[in-house]
C-alpha cells in the first residue's frame, strides 16, 4: 500500500463533482446535513462496498488503520474500491489485531475513469515512484510503460507501480483507480493504438508553443500522451511516431526536462486544455 523507497508527501484530497447517487443509497452532499469531509482519511480496499457491508481489513491495512492512524472503535474514515463510489465507514469492535469497518453512507457515486493514457519510458526506482504518483494526481486514467532504444531500465516492478497508484489515489481524492499496463515495445504500442485516440507526442525538438491549438481541439476525445526517455527517441522511433496519422507534436517549453518533470508538464497542459474546453 505504501512503497518503502518513496519519501514523497501528498496534498490532501481535492474536491470532485458530485454525481447523482444510484437509487437505494443515501448520498451525503453539500446540500445535506453532513457535507463531505475533505480532511477525512481515505482508504482503498478490494472488497465490494454497499450500505451495511462489513469490511474486514487484511493485515497490512489493519496495521495502517489500527497502529498508524490509530482509528478508534466508533470513529469513521472513507472507503473506496474504484467501482462502488466512496463510503463513510465506521470501525466496529473486534479482535486485538482485527479491524472491521461498517459501511454507513454513500458519500460520492462512482465516477468514470479518465480516458487519458500516459505512455512513458520506465525510469529507475525512486523517480518512477514519483512520476507514477504525479501522473495519477494529474488525471491519467491508464499508465502504459513502453520500451524504447534509450530506455534506462527494461524490468518494471508492476506491483510497486500499482501500490504507488493506490497511494496517490487515496491522497488526491479520485474515485477511479488508474490501470497499470504491462510494458510493451514502443513499436508494438504504436501499432495497437486504437482508432479515435489522439496521440500527443511530447517532442523536445518541437518549437515553443507548438501543438497548443491542436491540443485544445483534441481534448474532448480520448488521448494518449507520449513522453520519451531522457536520451530521447531514436531517429527510427521518431519516424514511426510521425507515421501515425493525426498525431499532435507538443512542445513542453524551451528547456530540456527530465522525464519525471515532463510527465507533470505534459499532463498539466492537458488538464489546462480540458479546463478551457469545459469553461
C-alpha atoms as a PDB file:
ATOM      1  CA  UNK A   1       0.000   0.000   0.000  1.00  0.00           C
ATOM      2  CA  UNK A   2       2.895   2.350   0.790  1.00  0.00           C
ATOM      3  CA  UNK A   3       6.155   1.682  -1.126  1.00  0.00           C
ATOM      4  CA  UNK A   4       9.195   1.678   1.145  1.00  0.00           C
ATOM      5  CA  UNK A   5      11.518   3.795  -1.018  1.00  0.00           C
ATOM      6  CA  UNK A   6       9.167   6.713  -1.629  1.00  0.00           C
ATOM      7  CA  UNK A   7       9.568   9.772   0.576  1.00  0.00           C
ATOM      8  CA  UNK A   8       7.068  11.911  -1.280  1.00  0.00           C
ATOM      9  CA  UNK A   9       4.309  13.711   0.557  1.00  0.00           C
ATOM     10  CA  UNK A  10       0.928  14.405  -0.983  1.00  0.00           C
ATOM     11  CA  UNK A  11      -1.578  17.193  -0.561  1.00  0.00           C
ATOM     12  CA  UNK A  12      -4.942  16.454   0.971  1.00  0.00           C
ATOM     13  CA  UNK A  13      -7.791  15.204  -1.213  1.00  0.00           C
ATOM     14  CA  UNK A  14      -9.318  17.591  -3.696  1.00  0.00           C
ATOM     15  CA  UNK A  15     -12.981  18.028  -4.431  1.00  0.00           C
ATOM     16  CA  UNK A  16     -14.667  16.296  -7.369  1.00  0.00           C
ATOM     17  CA  UNK A  17     -18.036  16.976  -8.943  1.00  0.00           C
ATOM     18  CA  UNK A  18     -20.745  15.096  -7.105  1.00  0.00           C
ATOM     19  CA  UNK A  19     -22.720  12.864  -9.482  1.00  0.00           C
ATOM     20  CA  UNK A  20     -26.224  11.757  -8.663  1.00  0.00           C
ATOM     21  CA  UNK A  21     -26.226   8.741  -6.376  1.00  0.00           C
ATOM     22  CA  UNK A  22     -27.811   5.447  -7.514  1.00  0.00           C
ATOM     23  CA  UNK A  23     -31.281   4.647  -6.188  1.00  0.00           C
ATOM     24  CA  UNK A  24     -31.382   2.903  -2.824  1.00  0.00           C
ATOM     25  CA  UNK A  25     -28.263   4.575  -1.455  1.00  0.00           C
ATOM     26  CA  UNK A  26     -28.018   7.539   0.881  1.00  0.00           C
ATOM     27  CA  UNK A  27     -25.769  10.197  -0.603  1.00  0.00           C
ATOM     28  CA  UNK A  28     -24.337  12.832   1.674  1.00  0.00           C
ATOM     29  CA  UNK A  29     -23.540  16.036  -0.193  1.00  0.00           C
ATOM     30  CA  UNK A  30     -23.101  19.770   0.219  1.00  0.00           C
ATOM     31  CA  UNK A  31     -26.880  20.257   0.285  1.00  0.00           C
ATOM     32  CA  UNK A  32     -27.485  17.805   3.128  1.00  0.00           C
ATOM     33  CA  UNK A  33     -26.896  17.975   6.823  1.00  0.00           C
ATOM     34  CA  UNK A  34     -23.421  16.446   6.581  1.00  0.00           C
ATOM     35  CA  UNK A  35     -21.134  17.901   3.882  1.00  0.00           C
ATOM     36  CA  UNK A  36     -18.208  15.955   2.510  1.00  0.00           C
ATOM     37  CA  UNK A  37     -15.255  15.998   4.907  1.00  0.00           C
ATOM     38  CA  UNK A  38     -12.127  16.722   2.867  1.00  0.00           C
ATOM     39  CA  UNK A  39      -9.934  16.104   5.929  1.00  0.00           C
ATOM     40  CA  UNK A  40     -11.121  12.528   6.395  1.00  0.00           C
ATOM     41  CA  UNK A  41      -8.708   9.644   5.902  1.00  0.00           C
ATOM     42  CA  UNK A  42      -9.352   7.704   2.672  1.00  0.00           C
ATOM     43  CA  UNK A  43      -8.541   4.026   2.269  1.00  0.00           C
ATOM     44  CA  UNK A  44      -8.626   1.829  -0.831  1.00  0.00           C
ATOM     45  CA  UNK A  45      -9.988  -1.704  -0.389  1.00  0.00           C
ATOM     46  CA  UNK A  46     -10.666  -4.534  -2.833  1.00  0.00           C
ATOM     47  CA  UNK A  47     -13.951  -5.604  -1.206  1.00  0.00           C
ATOM     48  CA  UNK A  48     -17.377  -4.673  -2.571  1.00  0.00           C
ATOM     49  CA  UNK A  49     -18.905  -1.653  -0.838  1.00  0.00           C
ATOM     50  CA  UNK A  50     -22.598  -1.201  -0.054  1.00  0.00           C
ATOM     51  CA  UNK A  51     -24.755   0.075   2.779  1.00  0.00           C
ATOM     52  CA  UNK A  52     -24.420  -2.262   5.765  1.00  0.00           C
ATOM     53  CA  UNK A  53     -21.411  -4.117   4.341  1.00  0.00           C
ATOM     54  CA  UNK A  54     -18.794  -5.186   6.892  1.00  0.00           C
ATOM     55  CA  UNK A  55     -15.232  -4.906   5.619  1.00  0.00           C
ATOM     56  CA  UNK A  56     -12.541  -6.923   7.408  1.00  0.00           C
ATOM     57  CA  UNK A  57      -9.190  -5.422   6.521  1.00  0.00           C
ATOM     58  CA  UNK A  58      -6.185  -7.508   5.537  1.00  0.00           C
ATOM     59  CA  UNK A  59      -3.141  -7.473   7.802  1.00  0.00           C
ATOM     60  CA  UNK A  60      -1.359  -4.578   6.084  1.00  0.00           C
ATOM     61  CA  UNK A  61      -4.383  -2.277   6.024  1.00  0.00           C
ATOM     62  CA  UNK A  62      -5.421  -3.312   9.528  1.00  0.00           C
ATOM     63  CA  UNK A  63      -1.969  -2.311  10.778  1.00  0.00           C
ATOM     64  CA  UNK A  64      -2.232   1.017   8.983  1.00  0.00           C
ATOM     65  CA  UNK A  65      -5.699   1.804  10.346  1.00  0.00           C
ATOM     66  CA  UNK A  66      -5.155   0.472  13.855  1.00  0.00           C
ATOM     67  CA  UNK A  67      -1.496   1.330  14.519  1.00  0.00           C
ATOM     68  CA  UNK A  68      -0.530   4.150  12.140  1.00  0.00           C
ATOM     69  CA  UNK A  69      -3.553   6.442  12.015  1.00  0.00           C
ATOM     70  CA  UNK A  70      -4.934   4.885  15.232  1.00  0.00           C
ATOM     71  CA  UNK A  71      -8.595   4.885  14.226  1.00  0.00           C
ATOM     72  CA  UNK A  72     -10.583   4.007  17.329  1.00  0.00           C
ATOM     73  CA  UNK A  73     -13.740   1.937  17.634  1.00  0.00           C
ATOM     74  CA  UNK A  74     -16.663   4.184  16.717  1.00  0.00           C
ATOM     75  CA  UNK A  75     -14.538   6.510  14.577  1.00  0.00           C
ATOM     76  CA  UNK A  76     -15.016   6.777  10.800  1.00  0.00           C
ATOM     77  CA  UNK A  77     -12.988   7.028   7.623  1.00  0.00           C
ATOM     78  CA  UNK A  78     -13.782   6.923   3.900  1.00  0.00           C
ATOM     79  CA  UNK A  79     -13.534   3.752   1.807  1.00  0.00           C
ATOM     80  CA  UNK A  80     -13.385   3.366  -1.982  1.00  0.00           C
ATOM     81  CA  UNK A  81     -12.597   0.495  -4.344  1.00  0.00           C
ATOM     82  CA  UNK A  82     -12.707   2.073  -7.801  1.00  0.00           C
ATOM     83  CA  UNK A  83     -16.136   0.512  -8.506  1.00  0.00           C
ATOM     84  CA  UNK A  84     -18.745   1.410  -5.891  1.00  0.00           C
ATOM     85  CA  UNK A  85     -18.110   5.068  -5.083  1.00  0.00           C
ATOM     86  CA  UNK A  86     -16.869   6.435  -1.780  1.00  0.00           C
ATOM     87  CA  UNK A  87     -18.423   5.396   1.532  1.00  0.00           C
ATOM     88  CA  UNK A  88     -18.253   6.534   5.115  1.00  0.00           C
ATOM     89  CA  UNK A  89     -17.315   3.504   7.216  1.00  0.00           C
ATOM     90  CA  UNK A  90     -17.108   3.254  10.987  1.00  0.00           C
ATOM     91  CA  UNK A  91     -14.829   0.956  12.948  1.00  0.00           C
ATOM     92  CA  UNK A  92     -16.588  -1.825  14.832  1.00  0.00           C
ATOM     93  CA  UNK A  93     -15.481  -3.809  17.885  1.00  0.00           C
ATOM     94  CA  UNK A  94     -13.268  -6.748  17.002  1.00  0.00           C
ATOM     95  CA  UNK A  95     -10.273  -8.832  17.989  1.00  0.00           C
ATOM     96  CA  UNK A  96      -6.988  -7.389  19.213  1.00  0.00           C
ATOM     97  CA  UNK A  97      -5.412  -7.179  15.740  1.00  0.00           C
ATOM     98  CA  UNK A  98      -8.655  -7.164  13.786  1.00  0.00           C
ATOM     99  CA  UNK A  99     -10.097  -4.088  12.069  1.00  0.00           C
ATOM    100  CA  UNK A 100     -13.735  -4.305  10.973  1.00  0.00           C
ATOM    101  CA  UNK A 101     -15.392  -1.363   9.202  1.00  0.00           C
ATOM    102  CA  UNK A 102     -19.141  -0.948   8.654  1.00  0.00           C
ATOM    103  CA  UNK A 103     -20.266   0.985   5.551  1.00  0.00           C
ATOM    104  CA  UNK A 104     -22.839   3.571   6.653  1.00  0.00           C
ATOM    105  CA  UNK A 105     -23.487   6.040   3.827  1.00  0.00           C
ATOM    106  CA  UNK A 106     -22.535   6.725   0.236  1.00  0.00           C
ATOM    107  CA  UNK A 107     -20.600   9.981   0.047  1.00  0.00           C
ATOM    108  CA  UNK A 108     -19.870  10.117  -3.678  1.00  0.00           C
ATOM    109  CA  UNK A 109     -21.169   7.953  -6.503  1.00  0.00           C
ATOM    110  CA  UNK A 110     -18.618   6.239  -8.715  1.00  0.00           C
ATOM    111  CA  UNK A 111     -17.015   8.408 -11.402  1.00  0.00           C
ATOM    112  CA  UNK A 112     -15.880   7.058 -14.771  1.00  0.00           C
ATOM    113  CA  UNK A 113     -12.100   6.770 -15.229  1.00  0.00           C
ATOM    114  CA  UNK A 114     -10.379   9.467 -17.235  1.00  0.00           C
ATOM    115  CA  UNK A 115      -9.905   8.421 -20.866  1.00  0.00           C
ATOM    116  CA  UNK A 116      -6.291   9.556 -20.837  1.00  0.00           C
ATOM    117  CA  UNK A 117      -3.339   7.233 -21.350  1.00  0.00           C
ATOM    118  CA  UNK A 118       0.035   8.337 -20.048  1.00  0.00           C
ATOM    119  CA  UNK A 119       2.670   6.477 -22.076  1.00  0.00           C
ATOM    120  CA  UNK A 120       6.267   6.654 -20.884  1.00  0.00           C
ATOM    121  CA  UNK A 121       9.678   5.034 -20.893  1.00  0.00           C
ATOM    122  CA  UNK A 122      10.313   3.479 -17.448  1.00  0.00           C
ATOM    123  CA  UNK A 123      12.701   5.184 -15.018  1.00  0.00           C
ATOM    124  CA  UNK A 124      14.736   3.962 -12.064  1.00  0.00           C
ATOM    125  CA  UNK A 125      13.022   3.236  -8.750  1.00  0.00           C
ATOM    126  CA  UNK A 126      12.573   6.476  -6.806  1.00  0.00           C
ATOM    127  CA  UNK A 127      11.994   8.632  -9.877  1.00  0.00           C
ATOM    128  CA  UNK A 128       9.485   6.117 -11.278  1.00  0.00           C
ATOM    129  CA  UNK A 129       7.635   6.189  -7.940  1.00  0.00           C
ATOM    130  CA  UNK A 130       7.446   9.974  -8.124  1.00  0.00           C
ATOM    131  CA  UNK A 131       6.372  10.038 -11.759  1.00  0.00           C
ATOM    132  CA  UNK A 132       3.615   7.459 -11.253  1.00  0.00           C
ATOM    133  CA  UNK A 133       2.210   9.310  -8.242  1.00  0.00           C
ATOM    134  CA  UNK A 134       2.186  12.653 -10.034  1.00  0.00           C
ATOM    135  CA  UNK A 135       0.664  11.187 -13.200  1.00  0.00           C
ATOM    136  CA  UNK A 136      -2.240   9.872 -11.098  1.00  0.00           C
ATOM    137  CA  UNK A 137      -2.658  13.229  -9.360  1.00  0.00           C
ATOM    138  CA  UNK A 138      -2.658  14.990 -12.747  1.00  0.00           C
ATOM    139  CA  UNK A 139      -5.511  12.879 -14.128  1.00  0.00           C
ATOM    140  CA  UNK A 140      -4.051   9.933 -16.037  1.00  0.00           C
ATOM    141  CA  UNK A 141      -6.538   7.080 -16.445  1.00  0.00           C
ATOM    142  CA  UNK A 142      -4.020   4.446 -17.593  1.00  0.00           C
ATOM    143  CA  UNK A 143      -0.273   4.153 -17.161  1.00  0.00           C
ATOM    144  CA  UNK A 144       1.478   2.443 -20.067  1.00  0.00           C
ATOM    145  CA  UNK A 145       5.231   1.738 -19.881  1.00  0.00           C
ATOM    146  CA  UNK A 146       6.882   1.426 -23.309  1.00  0.00           C
ATOM    147  CA  UNK A 147      10.379   0.167 -24.045  1.00  0.00           C
ATOM    148  CA  UNK A 148      12.477   2.323 -26.358  1.00  0.00           C
ATOM    149  CA  UNK A 149      16.043   2.205 -27.621  1.00  0.00           C
ATOM    150  CA  UNK A 150      17.218   4.609 -24.906  1.00  0.00           C
ATOM    151  CA  UNK A 151      15.053   3.366 -22.038  1.00  0.00           C
ATOM    152  CA  UNK A 152      17.036   3.384 -18.788  1.00  0.00           C
ATOM    153  CA  UNK A 153      15.506   0.188 -17.375  1.00  0.00           C
ATOM    154  CA  UNK A 154      13.811  -2.753 -19.051  1.00  0.00           C
ATOM    155  CA  UNK A 155      12.371  -4.521 -15.981  1.00  0.00           C
ATOM    156  CA  UNK A 156       9.401  -2.829 -14.345  1.00  0.00           C
ATOM    157  CA  UNK A 157       8.001  -3.733 -10.922  1.00  0.00           C
ATOM    158  CA  UNK A 158       4.295  -3.568 -11.745  1.00  0.00           C
ATOM    159  CA  UNK A 159       3.193  -4.320  -8.172  1.00  0.00           C
ATOM    160  CA  UNK A 160       5.244  -1.383  -6.945  1.00  0.00           C
ATOM    161  CA  UNK A 161       3.686   0.816  -9.617  1.00  0.00           C
ATOM    162  CA  UNK A 162       0.178  -0.271  -8.605  1.00  0.00           C
ATOM    163  CA  UNK A 163       0.971   0.422  -4.942  1.00  0.00           C
ATOM    164  CA  UNK A 164       2.046   3.939  -5.886  1.00  0.00           C
ATOM    165  CA  UNK A 165      -1.131   4.393  -7.930  1.00  0.00           C
ATOM    166  CA  UNK A 166      -3.308   3.399  -4.961  1.00  0.00           C
ATOM    167  CA  UNK A 167      -1.394   5.624  -2.546  1.00  0.00           C
ATOM    168  CA  UNK A 168      -1.784   8.611  -4.887  1.00  0.00           C
ATOM    169  CA  UNK A 169      -5.496   7.868  -5.400  1.00  0.00           C
ATOM    170  CA  UNK A 170      -6.029   7.767  -1.624  1.00  0.00           C
ATOM    171  CA  UNK A 171      -4.274  11.092  -1.179  1.00  0.00           C
ATOM    172  CA  UNK A 172      -5.707  13.112  -4.072  1.00  0.00           C
ATOM    173  CA  UNK A 173      -9.370  12.214  -3.752  1.00  0.00           C
ATOM    174  CA  UNK A 174     -10.074  10.404  -7.036  1.00  0.00           C
ATOM    175  CA  UNK A 175     -12.541   7.521  -7.204  1.00  0.00           C
ATOM    176  CA  UNK A 176     -11.475   5.639 -10.345  1.00  0.00           C
ATOM    177  CA  UNK A 177      -8.100   3.948  -9.764  1.00  0.00           C
ATOM    178  CA  UNK A 178      -5.899   4.212 -12.879  1.00  0.00           C
ATOM    179  CA  UNK A 179      -4.955   0.992 -14.636  1.00  0.00           C
ATOM    180  CA  UNK A 180      -1.316  -0.091 -14.911  1.00  0.00           C
ATOM    181  CA  UNK A 181      -0.487  -1.850 -18.176  1.00  0.00           C
ATOM    182  CA  UNK A 182       2.288  -4.340 -18.853  1.00  0.00           C
ATOM    183  CA  UNK A 183       5.382  -2.891 -20.572  1.00  0.00           C
ATOM    184  CA  UNK A 184       5.465  -3.240 -24.361  1.00  0.00           C
ATOM    185  CA  UNK A 185       7.947  -2.179 -27.039  1.00  0.00           C
ATOM    186  CA  UNK A 186       7.138   1.249 -28.457  1.00  0.00           C
ATOM    187  CA  UNK A 187       6.649  -0.125 -31.969  1.00  0.00           C
ATOM    188  CA  UNK A 188       4.062  -2.645 -30.753  1.00  0.00           C
ATOM    189  CA  UNK A 189       2.205   0.017 -28.779  1.00  0.00           C
ATOM    190  CA  UNK A 190       2.089   2.325 -31.808  1.00  0.00           C
ATOM    191  CA  UNK A 191       0.734  -0.476 -33.983  1.00  0.00           C
ATOM    192  CA  UNK A 192      -2.018  -1.248 -31.457  1.00  0.00           C
ATOM    193  CA  UNK A 193      -3.076   2.374 -30.829  1.00  0.00           C
ATOM    194  CA  UNK A 194      -6.849   2.323 -31.257  1.00  0.00           C
ATOM    195  CA  UNK A 195      -8.537   4.499 -33.874  1.00  0.00           C
ATOM    196  CA  UNK A 196     -10.072   7.634 -32.394  1.00  0.00           C
ATOM    197  CA  UNK A 197      -7.434   8.058 -29.678  1.00  0.00           C
ATOM    198  CA  UNK A 198      -5.272  11.096 -30.430  1.00  0.00           C
ATOM    199  CA  UNK A 199      -1.542  10.633 -29.928  1.00  0.00           C
ATOM    200  CA  UNK A 200       0.094  13.617 -28.212  1.00  0.00           C
ATOM    201  CA  UNK A 201       3.832  13.362 -28.853  1.00  0.00           C
ATOM    202  CA  UNK A 202       5.810  15.465 -26.363  1.00  0.00           C
ATOM    203  CA  UNK A 203       8.812  16.306 -28.527  1.00  0.00           C
ATOM    204  CA  UNK A 204      11.879  18.025 -27.102  1.00  0.00           C
ATOM    205  CA  UNK A 205      12.675  19.261 -30.625  1.00  0.00           C
ATOM    206  CA  UNK A 206       9.296  20.959 -31.115  1.00  0.00           C
ATOM    207  CA  UNK A 207       9.100  24.729 -31.490  1.00  0.00           C
ATOM    208  CA  UNK A 208       7.950  26.634 -28.353  1.00  0.00           C
ATOM    209  CA  UNK A 209       4.136  26.673 -28.104  1.00  0.00           C
ATOM    210  CA  UNK A 210       3.829  24.140 -30.950  1.00  0.00           C
ATOM    211  CA  UNK A 211       0.753  21.943 -30.652  1.00  0.00           C
ATOM    212  CA  UNK A 212      -1.233  24.043 -28.187  1.00  0.00           C
ATOM    213  CA  UNK A 213      -4.052  24.909 -30.602  1.00  0.00           C
ATOM    214  CA  UNK A 214      -4.287  21.307 -31.808  1.00  0.00           C
ATOM    215  CA  UNK A 215      -4.379  20.074 -28.206  1.00  0.00           C
ATOM    216  CA  UNK A 216      -7.245  22.449 -27.397  1.00  0.00           C
ATOM    217  CA  UNK A 217      -9.204  20.933 -30.295  1.00  0.00           C
ATOM    218  CA  UNK A 218      -8.468  17.328 -29.303  1.00  0.00           C
ATOM    219  CA  UNK A 219      -9.111  17.272 -25.554  1.00  0.00           C
ATOM    220  CA  UNK A 220     -12.805  16.469 -25.896  1.00  0.00           C
ATOM    221  CA  UNK A 221     -11.834  12.958 -27.044  1.00  0.00           C
ATOM    222  CA  UNK A 222      -9.569  10.164 -25.775  1.00  0.00           C
ATOM    223  CA  UNK A 223      -5.854  10.981 -25.659  1.00  0.00           C
ATOM    224  CA  UNK A 224      -2.544   9.149 -25.350  1.00  0.00           C
ATOM    225  CA  UNK A 225       0.267  11.391 -24.072  1.00  0.00           C
ATOM    226  CA  UNK A 226       3.695  10.008 -25.013  1.00  0.00           C
ATOM    227  CA  UNK A 227       6.877  11.108 -23.192  1.00  0.00           C
ATOM    228  CA  UNK A 228      10.173   9.507 -24.099  1.00  0.00           C
ATOM    229  CA  UNK A 229      13.312   8.546 -22.179  1.00  0.00           C
ATOM    230  CA  UNK A 230      15.900  11.079 -21.130  1.00  0.00           C
ATOM    231  CA  UNK A 231      18.104  10.016 -24.024  1.00  0.00           C
ATOM    232  CA  UNK A 232      15.290  10.914 -26.398  1.00  0.00           C
ATOM    233  CA  UNK A 233      13.756   8.825 -29.161  1.00  0.00           C
ATOM    234  CA  UNK A 234      15.934   7.326 -31.872  1.00  0.00           C
ATOM    235  CA  UNK A 235      15.553   8.524 -35.449  1.00  0.00           C
ATOM    236  CA  UNK A 236      13.763   5.293 -36.333  1.00  0.00           C
ATOM    237  CA  UNK A 237      11.334   5.733 -33.431  1.00  0.00           C
ATOM    238  CA  UNK A 238      10.696   9.353 -34.369  1.00  0.00           C
ATOM    239  CA  UNK A 239       9.825   8.279 -37.920  1.00  0.00           C
ATOM    240  CA  UNK A 240       7.439   5.610 -36.571  1.00  0.00           C
ATOM    241  CA  UNK A 241       5.716   8.185 -34.364  1.00  0.00           C
ATOM    242  CA  UNK A 242       5.460  10.679 -37.232  1.00  0.00           C
ATOM    243  CA  UNK A 243       3.847   7.985 -39.390  1.00  0.00           C
ATOM    244  CA  UNK A 244       0.820   7.825 -37.084  1.00  0.00           C
ATOM    245  CA  UNK A 245      -1.797   9.961 -38.753  1.00  0.00           C
ATOM    246  CA  UNK A 246      -3.294  12.777 -36.717  1.00  0.00           C
ATOM    247  CA  UNK A 247      -0.573  12.842 -34.046  1.00  0.00           C
ATOM    248  CA  UNK A 248      -0.089  16.157 -32.245  1.00  0.00           C
ATOM    249  CA  UNK A 249       3.506  17.290 -31.762  1.00  0.00           C
ATOM    250  CA  UNK A 250       3.552  19.192 -28.473  1.00  0.00           C
ATOM    251  CA  UNK A 251       6.258  21.421 -27.043  1.00  0.00           C
ATOM    252  CA  UNK A 252       6.776  21.364 -23.274  1.00  0.00           C
ATOM    253  CA  UNK A 253       8.658  24.652 -23.360  1.00  0.00           C
ATOM    254  CA  UNK A 254      12.083  25.993 -24.251  1.00  0.00           C
ATOM    255  CA  UNK A 255      14.085  23.852 -21.800  1.00  0.00           C
ATOM    256  CA  UNK A 256      15.033  20.178 -21.811  1.00  0.00           C
ATOM    257  CA  UNK A 257      13.101  18.495 -18.997  1.00  0.00           C
ATOM    258  CA  UNK A 258      13.831  15.368 -17.019  1.00  0.00           C
ATOM    259  CA  UNK A 259      11.366  12.615 -17.811  1.00  0.00           C
ATOM    260  CA  UNK A 260       9.553  12.819 -14.463  1.00  0.00           C
ATOM    261  CA  UNK A 261       9.244  16.608 -14.795  1.00  0.00           C
ATOM    262  CA  UNK A 262       7.997  16.188 -18.365  1.00  0.00           C
ATOM    263  CA  UNK A 263       5.162  13.986 -17.066  1.00  0.00           C
ATOM    264  CA  UNK A 264       3.873  16.778 -14.830  1.00  0.00           C
ATOM    265  CA  UNK A 265       4.298  19.432 -17.534  1.00  0.00           C
ATOM    266  CA  UNK A 266       2.540  17.408 -20.224  1.00  0.00           C
ATOM    267  CA  UNK A 267      -0.397  16.338 -18.087  1.00  0.00           C
ATOM    268  CA  UNK A 268      -0.788  19.857 -16.680  1.00  0.00           C
ATOM    269  CA  UNK A 269      -1.083  21.151 -20.244  1.00  0.00           C
ATOM    270  CA  UNK A 270      -3.787  18.571 -20.992  1.00  0.00           C
ATOM    271  CA  UNK A 271      -5.629  19.468 -17.787  1.00  0.00           C
ATOM    272  CA  UNK A 272      -5.473  23.171 -18.671  1.00  0.00           C
ATOM    273  CA  UNK A 273      -6.770  22.490 -22.181  1.00  0.00           C
ATOM    274  CA  UNK A 274      -9.679  20.476 -20.791  1.00  0.00           C
ATOM    275  CA  UNK A 275     -10.491  23.276 -18.363  1.00  0.00           C
ATOM    276  CA  UNK A 276     -10.555  25.759 -21.256  1.00  0.00           C
ATOM    277  CA  UNK A 277     -12.876  23.447 -23.195  1.00  0.00           C
ATOM    278  CA  UNK A 278     -15.190  22.941 -20.183  1.00  0.00           C
ATOM    279  CA  UNK A 279     -15.250  26.658 -19.392  1.00  0.00           C
END
